Structure formats: C-alpha cells, structure tokens
C-alpha cells in the first residue's frame, strides 16, 4: 500500500447518522488557511469518540 496522506486533527462534531453508524467531522475553514485539511467519515457505532478527541487520518492507495 502506498500512503497518500496522513494528518492529525481534532474531531469537531459527531453526527448520529442511523442505528448502525455515526459520522466524524472536522471542517475547519480551509478557505482561510489552505494548509488546513478537514474530514467527514462515517464509522460504525460503538467507537467511543467525541467532539474534541484528536485523531489521525490516513489515506492509502491499495
């Protein structure tokens, strides 16, 4: 696998999508700072994450 990108960020918001999954979001204003990356990732319930937790996001090409 080739790593494309890896960054760390705080979770800004956790959205309840349905009975099976939540959505983790961090949407800092990238227009004001082009170096800031944001994410919006659906994950299965039971993750234990909350707003303010710091996570690492990794994108790999497989």
Protein backbone atom coordinates (compact mmCIF):
# COMPACT_ATOMS: atom_id res chain seq x y z
CA UNK A 1 0.00 0.00 0.00
CA UNK A 2 1.21 3.47 -0.82
CA UNK A 3 0.48 6.17 1.73
CA UNK A 4 -1.02 9.21 0.04
CA UNK A 5 -1.65 11.41 3.07
CA UNK A 6 -1.61 11.37 6.87
CA UNK A 7 -2.67 14.17 9.20
CA UNK A 8 -3.90 14.72 12.75
CA UNK A 9 -6.93 16.78 13.67
CA UNK A 10 -9.48 17.31 16.42
CA UNK A 11 -12.98 15.93 15.92
CA UNK A 12 -15.25 18.95 15.67
CA UNK A 13 -18.60 17.12 15.65
CA UNK A 14 -20.02 13.59 15.83
CA UNK A 15 -23.30 13.19 13.92
CA UNK A 16 -25.82 10.40 14.52
CA UNK A 17 -26.50 9.00 11.01
CA UNK A 18 -28.66 5.95 11.81
CA UNK A 19 -28.80 2.92 14.15
CA UNK A 20 -25.60 1.48 12.68
CA UNK A 21 -23.23 4.40 12.13
CA UNK A 22 -22.08 7.89 13.12
CA UNK A 23 -20.17 10.49 11.14
CA UNK A 24 -16.96 12.07 12.46
CA UNK A 25 -16.39 15.60 11.18
CA UNK A 26 -13.78 18.29 11.24
CA UNK A 27 -14.49 21.16 8.89
CA UNK A 28 -12.08 23.94 9.78
CA UNK A 29 -12.34 26.90 7.40
CA UNK A 30 -9.90 25.80 4.66
CA UNK A 31 -10.64 28.91 2.63
CA UNK A 32 -8.89 30.99 5.30
CA UNK A 33 -5.92 28.62 5.67
CA UNK A 34 -5.17 26.41 2.66
CA UNK A 35 -2.92 24.17 4.79
CA UNK A 36 -5.85 23.02 6.97
CA UNK A 37 -7.44 19.72 5.94
CA UNK A 38 -10.87 18.53 7.01
CA UNK A 39 -12.68 15.20 7.06
CA UNK A 40 -16.18 13.74 7.11
CA UNK A 41 -16.03 9.97 7.78
CA UNK A 42 -18.83 7.52 8.55
CA UNK A 43 -17.87 4.87 11.13
CA UNK A 44 -19.77 2.07 12.90
CA UNK A 45 -21.42 2.88 16.25
CA UNK A 46 -19.56 1.88 19.40
CA UNK A 47 -16.42 3.86 18.57
CA UNK A 48 -16.37 5.86 21.82
CA UNK A 49 -15.16 9.05 20.12
CA UNK A 50 -16.48 12.52 20.94
CA UNK A 51 -16.02 16.12 19.87
CA UNK A 52 -12.58 17.36 20.95
CA UNK A 53 -10.85 13.98 20.63
CA UNK A 54 -7.74 14.07 18.47
CA UNK A 55 -7.49 11.51 15.64
CA UNK A 56 -5.07 10.61 12.88
CA UNK A 57 -6.46 10.27 9.36
CA UNK A 58 -4.52 8.12 6.89
CA UNK A 59 -5.29 7.67 3.19
CA UNK A 60 -3.59 4.78 1.39
CA UNK A 61 -3.91 3.60 -2.17
CA UNK A 62 -4.43 -0.17 -2.32
